[in-house]
């Protein structure tokens, strides 16, 4: 199982258990408690940052490929 999927399952289990044991818990306290007990938020943040980085790298590669294709075309025409 992927780390994020495993942590998501753990997060859901913790949330269910906290709600069972403390039915009167407010949303803010629940969120703060889960944040302290789980790495789920950090894993999601890291996954999002990685996806953003990948998109930026892919865009840069597309741009570079365009430049190289143009250069290749010029070289072929010159040859």
C-alpha atoms as a PDB file:
ATOM      1  CA  UNK A   1       0.000   0.000   0.000  1.00  0.00           C
ATOM      2  CA  UNK A   2       1.276   3.494  -0.840  1.00  0.00           C
ATOM      3  CA  UNK A   3       2.387   5.638   2.119  1.00  0.00           C
ATOM      4  CA  UNK A   4      -0.317   8.238   1.468  1.00  0.00           C
ATOM      5  CA  UNK A   5      -3.018   5.557   1.183  1.00  0.00           C
ATOM      6  CA  UNK A   6      -1.800   3.897   4.370  1.00  0.00           C
ATOM      7  CA  UNK A   7      -1.723   7.198   6.241  1.00  0.00           C
ATOM      8  CA  UNK A   8      -5.159   8.082   4.864  1.00  0.00           C
ATOM      9  CA  UNK A   9      -6.544   4.830   6.276  1.00  0.00           C
ATOM     10  CA  UNK A  10      -4.842   5.516   9.587  1.00  0.00           C
ATOM     11  CA  UNK A  11      -6.188   9.094   9.596  1.00  0.00           C
ATOM     12  CA  UNK A  12      -9.745   7.867   8.970  1.00  0.00           C
ATOM     13  CA  UNK A  13      -9.419   5.263  11.711  1.00  0.00           C
ATOM     14  CA  UNK A  14      -8.115   7.882  14.172  1.00  0.00           C
ATOM     15  CA  UNK A  15     -10.932  10.267  13.250  1.00  0.00           C
ATOM     16  CA  UNK A  16     -13.578   7.565  13.742  1.00  0.00           C
ATOM     17  CA  UNK A  17     -12.054   6.501  17.053  1.00  0.00           C
ATOM     18  CA  UNK A  18     -11.855  10.082  18.333  1.00  0.00           C
ATOM     19  CA  UNK A  19     -15.474  10.746  17.375  1.00  0.00           C
ATOM     20  CA  UNK A  20     -16.565   7.503  19.066  1.00  0.00           C
ATOM     21  CA  UNK A  21     -14.642   8.242  22.254  1.00  0.00           C
ATOM     22  CA  UNK A  22     -15.402  11.982  22.351  1.00  0.00           C
ATOM     23  CA  UNK A  23     -18.792  12.582  20.752  1.00  0.00           C
ATOM     24  CA  UNK A  24     -18.838  16.199  21.951  1.00  0.00           C
ATOM     25  CA  UNK A  25     -15.513  17.141  20.298  1.00  0.00           C
ATOM     26  CA  UNK A  26     -15.701  20.300  18.182  1.00  0.00           C
ATOM     27  CA  UNK A  27     -14.402  20.433  14.601  1.00  0.00           C
ATOM     28  CA  UNK A  28     -11.397  22.617  15.378  1.00  0.00           C
ATOM     29  CA  UNK A  29     -10.224  20.412  18.257  1.00  0.00           C
ATOM     30  CA  UNK A  30     -10.753  17.312  16.132  1.00  0.00           C
ATOM     31  CA  UNK A  31      -8.717  18.785  13.268  1.00  0.00           C
ATOM     32  CA  UNK A  32      -5.921  19.918  15.604  1.00  0.00           C
ATOM     33  CA  UNK A  33      -5.803  16.544  17.344  1.00  0.00           C
ATOM     34  CA  UNK A  34      -5.701  14.645  14.059  1.00  0.00           C
ATOM     35  CA  UNK A  35      -2.965  16.934  12.769  1.00  0.00           C
ATOM     36  CA  UNK A  36      -0.883  16.159  15.844  1.00  0.00           C
ATOM     37  CA  UNK A  37      -1.456  12.402  15.635  1.00  0.00           C
ATOM     38  CA  UNK A  38      -1.059  11.915  11.889  1.00  0.00           C
ATOM     39  CA  UNK A  39       1.330  12.745   9.070  1.00  0.00           C
ATOM     40  CA  UNK A  40      -1.534  12.836   6.563  1.00  0.00           C
ATOM     41  CA  UNK A  41      -1.513  16.624   6.062  1.00  0.00           C
ATOM     42  CA  UNK A  42       2.238  16.638   5.479  1.00  0.00           C
ATOM     43  CA  UNK A  43       2.015  13.751   2.993  1.00  0.00           C
ATOM     44  CA  UNK A  44      -0.759  15.463   1.034  1.00  0.00           C
ATOM     45  CA  UNK A  45       1.188  18.734   1.015  1.00  0.00           C
ATOM     46  CA  UNK A  46       4.308  16.940  -0.212  1.00  0.00           C
ATOM     47  CA  UNK A  47       2.330  15.161  -2.945  1.00  0.00           C
ATOM     48  CA  UNK A  48       0.818  18.445  -4.134  1.00  0.00           C
ATOM     49  CA  UNK A  49       4.217  20.163  -4.151  1.00  0.00           C
ATOM     50  CA  UNK A  50       5.671  17.256  -6.112  1.00  0.00           C
ATOM     51  CA  UNK A  51       2.867  17.449  -8.676  1.00  0.00           C
ATOM     52  CA  UNK A  52       3.401  21.204  -9.088  1.00  0.00           C
ATOM     53  CA  UNK A  53       7.137  20.645  -9.537  1.00  0.00           C
ATOM     54  CA  UNK A  54       6.497  17.902 -12.090  1.00  0.00           C
ATOM     55  CA  UNK A  55       4.192  20.198 -14.071  1.00  0.00           C
ATOM     56  CA  UNK A  56       6.828  22.937 -14.050  1.00  0.00           C
ATOM     57  CA  UNK A  57       9.557  20.524 -15.172  1.00  0.00           C
ATOM     58  CA  UNK A  58       7.335  19.113 -17.922  1.00  0.00           C
ATOM     59  CA  UNK A  59       6.609  22.635 -19.165  1.00  0.00           C
ATOM     60  CA  UNK A  60      10.294  23.512 -19.162  1.00  0.00           C
ATOM     61  CA  UNK A  61      11.109  20.321 -21.072  1.00  0.00           C
ATOM     62  CA  UNK A  62       8.397  21.132 -23.649  1.00  0.00           C
ATOM     63  CA  UNK A  63       9.890  24.576 -24.103  1.00  0.00           C
ATOM     64  CA  UNK A  64      13.406  23.190 -24.469  1.00  0.00           C
ATOM     65  CA  UNK A  65      12.230  20.549 -26.943  1.00  0.00           C
ATOM     66  CA  UNK A  66      10.663  23.311 -29.041  1.00  0.00           C
ATOM     67  CA  UNK A  67      13.952  25.195 -29.044  1.00  0.00           C
ATOM     68  CA  UNK A  68      15.874  22.057 -30.000  1.00  0.00           C
ATOM     69  CA  UNK A  69      13.434  21.200 -32.800  1.00  0.00           C
ATOM     70  CA  UNK A  70      13.816  24.710 -34.200  1.00  0.00           C
ATOM     71  CA  UNK A  71      17.591  24.361 -34.003  1.00  0.00           C
ATOM     72  CA  UNK A  72      17.413  20.954 -35.679  1.00  0.00           C
ATOM     73  CA  UNK A  73      15.313  22.429 -38.486  1.00  0.00           C
ATOM     74  CA  UNK A  74      17.815  25.248 -39.035  1.00  0.00           C
ATOM     75  CA  UNK A  75      20.722  22.797 -39.096  1.00  0.00           C
ATOM     76  CA  UNK A  76      18.963  20.541 -41.605  1.00  0.00           C
ATOM     77  CA  UNK A  77      18.134  23.494 -43.822  1.00  0.00           C
ATOM     78  CA  UNK A  78      21.721  24.712 -43.657  1.00  0.00           C
ATOM     79  CA  UNK A  79      23.077  21.249 -44.438  1.00  0.00           C
END
